[in-house]
Amino acid sequence: MKKKNSDNSELAQITREIRKLQFYFNMLSGLSASCGVMIPLDSVYTAIRELSDQEAILRQKAKDHSDYLGEKGLN
């Protein structure tokens, strides 16, 4: 049970980080467009993609675990 709570906590943290990065990405993108200058956003985009990949893996693990417990009648 402790592992599941740890995974949920990690998933929540990753989700918060993705939202923060998306906010900054959108803000910098808008600033770039309104000022007519190029702001390099590749590193922010890459970080969002990497965190999204981690999030997808954790969500799949949680789903697999839930499916396993459902099959065993424990859920």
C-alpha atoms as a PDB file:
ATOM      1  CA  MET A   1       0.000   0.000   0.000  1.00  0.00           C
ATOM      2  CA  LYS A   2       2.875   2.346   0.783  1.00  0.00           C
ATOM      3  CA  LYS A   3       4.239   1.959  -2.760  1.00  0.00           C
ATOM      4  CA  LYS A   4       0.851   2.914  -4.236  1.00  0.00           C
ATOM      5  CA  ASN A   5       0.717   6.097  -2.136  1.00  0.00           C
ATOM      6  CA  SER A   6       4.265   6.913  -3.190  1.00  0.00           C
ATOM      7  CA  ASP A   7       3.330   6.469  -6.852  1.00  0.00           C
ATOM      8  CA  ASN A   8       0.220   8.637  -6.415  1.00  0.00           C
ATOM      9  CA  SER A   9       2.282  11.340  -4.725  1.00  0.00           C
ATOM     10  CA  GLU A  10       4.899  11.198  -7.484  1.00  0.00           C
ATOM     11  CA  LEU A  11       2.177  11.344 -10.141  1.00  0.00           C
ATOM     12  CA  ALA A  12       0.615  14.389  -8.481  1.00  0.00           C
ATOM     13  CA  GLN A  13       4.009  16.113  -8.301  1.00  0.00           C
ATOM     14  CA  ILE A  14       4.740  15.399 -11.973  1.00  0.00           C
ATOM     15  CA  THR A  15       1.293  16.699 -12.957  1.00  0.00           C
ATOM     16  CA  ARG A  16       1.902  19.940 -11.018  1.00  0.00           C
ATOM     17  CA  GLU A  17       5.302  20.389 -12.664  1.00  0.00           C
ATOM     18  CA  ILE A  18       3.841  19.835 -16.136  1.00  0.00           C
ATOM     19  CA  ARG A  19       1.155  22.454 -15.501  1.00  0.00           C
ATOM     20  CA  LYS A  20       3.744  24.960 -14.275  1.00  0.00           C
ATOM     21  CA  LEU A  21       5.960  24.369 -17.296  1.00  0.00           C
ATOM     22  CA  GLN A  22       2.999  24.641 -19.667  1.00  0.00           C
ATOM     23  CA  PHE A  23       2.078  27.960 -18.058  1.00  0.00           C
ATOM     24  CA  TYR A  24       5.612  29.314 -18.492  1.00  0.00           C
ATOM     25  CA  PHE A  25       5.828  27.936 -22.027  1.00  0.00           C
ATOM     26  CA  ASN A  26       2.573  29.675 -23.007  1.00  0.00           C
ATOM     27  CA  MET A  27       3.594  32.890 -21.260  1.00  0.00           C
ATOM     28  CA  LEU A  28       6.993  33.002 -22.965  1.00  0.00           C
ATOM     29  CA  SER A  29       5.480  32.044 -26.295  1.00  0.00           C
ATOM     30  CA  GLY A  30       2.962  34.894 -26.041  1.00  0.00           C
ATOM     31  CA  LEU A  31       5.668  37.311 -24.951  1.00  0.00           C
ATOM     32  CA  SER A  32       7.803  36.248 -27.872  1.00  0.00           C
ATOM     33  CA  ALA A  33       4.950  36.818 -30.327  1.00  0.00           C
ATOM     34  CA  SER A  34       3.910  40.172 -28.879  1.00  0.00           C
ATOM     35  CA  CYS A  35       7.464  41.534 -28.759  1.00  0.00           C
ATOM     36  CA  GLY A  36       8.453  40.110 -32.111  1.00  0.00           C
ATOM     37  CA  VAL A  37      11.565  38.384 -30.766  1.00  0.00           C
ATOM     38  CA  MET A  38      12.654  34.781 -30.723  1.00  0.00           C
ATOM     39  CA  ILE A  39      12.753  33.196 -27.280  1.00  0.00           C
ATOM     40  CA  PRO A  40      14.261  29.697 -27.354  1.00  0.00           C
ATOM     41  CA  LEU A  41      11.633  27.385 -25.888  1.00  0.00           C
ATOM     42  CA  ASP A  42      13.131  24.041 -26.878  1.00  0.00           C
ATOM     43  CA  SER A  43      14.366  23.223 -23.377  1.00  0.00           C
ATOM     44  CA  VAL A  44      10.970  23.964 -21.816  1.00  0.00           C
ATOM     45  CA  TYR A  45       9.204  21.876 -24.466  1.00  0.00           C
ATOM     46  CA  THR A  46      11.660  19.007 -23.954  1.00  0.00           C
ATOM     47  CA  ALA A  47      11.100  19.086 -20.179  1.00  0.00           C
ATOM     48  CA  ILE A  48       7.322  18.986 -20.702  1.00  0.00           C
ATOM     49  CA  ARG A  49       7.663  15.994 -23.032  1.00  0.00           C
ATOM     50  CA  GLU A  50       9.929  14.099 -20.618  1.00  0.00           C
ATOM     51  CA  LEU A  51       7.607  14.714 -17.675  1.00  0.00           C
ATOM     52  CA  SER A  52       4.608  13.722 -19.793  1.00  0.00           C
ATOM     53  CA  ASP A  53       6.346  10.441 -20.631  1.00  0.00           C
ATOM     54  CA  GLN A  54       6.981   9.795 -16.925  1.00  0.00           C
ATOM     55  CA  GLU A  55       3.368  10.664 -16.148  1.00  0.00           C
ATOM     56  CA  ALA A  56       2.112   8.223 -18.789  1.00  0.00           C
ATOM     57  CA  ILE A  57       4.287   5.432 -17.371  1.00  0.00           C
ATOM     58  CA  LEU A  58       3.013   6.018 -13.830  1.00  0.00           C
ATOM     59  CA  ARG A  59      -0.599   6.169 -15.013  1.00  0.00           C
ATOM     60  CA  GLN A  60      -0.141   2.885 -16.889  1.00  0.00           C
ATOM     61  CA  LYS A  61       1.417   1.255 -13.821  1.00  0.00           C
ATOM     62  CA  ALA A  62      -1.519   2.437 -11.694  1.00  0.00           C
ATOM     63  CA  LYS A  63      -4.013   1.126 -14.269  1.00  0.00           C
ATOM     64  CA  ASP A  64      -2.228  -2.228 -14.486  1.00  0.00           C
ATOM     65  CA  HIS A  65      -2.184  -2.479 -10.698  1.00  0.00           C
ATOM     66  CA  SER A  66      -5.878  -1.609 -10.503  1.00  0.00           C
ATOM     67  CA  ASP A  67      -6.698  -4.149 -13.221  1.00  0.00           C
ATOM     68  CA  TYR A  68      -4.687  -6.797 -11.365  1.00  0.00           C
ATOM     69  CA  LEU A  69      -6.532  -6.111  -8.110  1.00  0.00           C
ATOM     70  CA  GLY A  70      -9.855  -6.140  -9.974  1.00  0.00           C
ATOM     71  CA  GLU A  71      -9.073  -9.566 -11.413  1.00  0.00           C
ATOM     72  CA  LYS A  72      -8.216 -10.871  -7.956  1.00  0.00           C
ATOM     73  CA  GLY A  73     -11.395  -9.407  -6.472  1.00  0.00           C
ATOM     74  CA  LEU A  74      -9.385  -7.176  -4.133  1.00  0.00           C
ATOM     75  CA  ASN A  75     -10.435  -3.831  -5.516  1.00  0.00           C
END
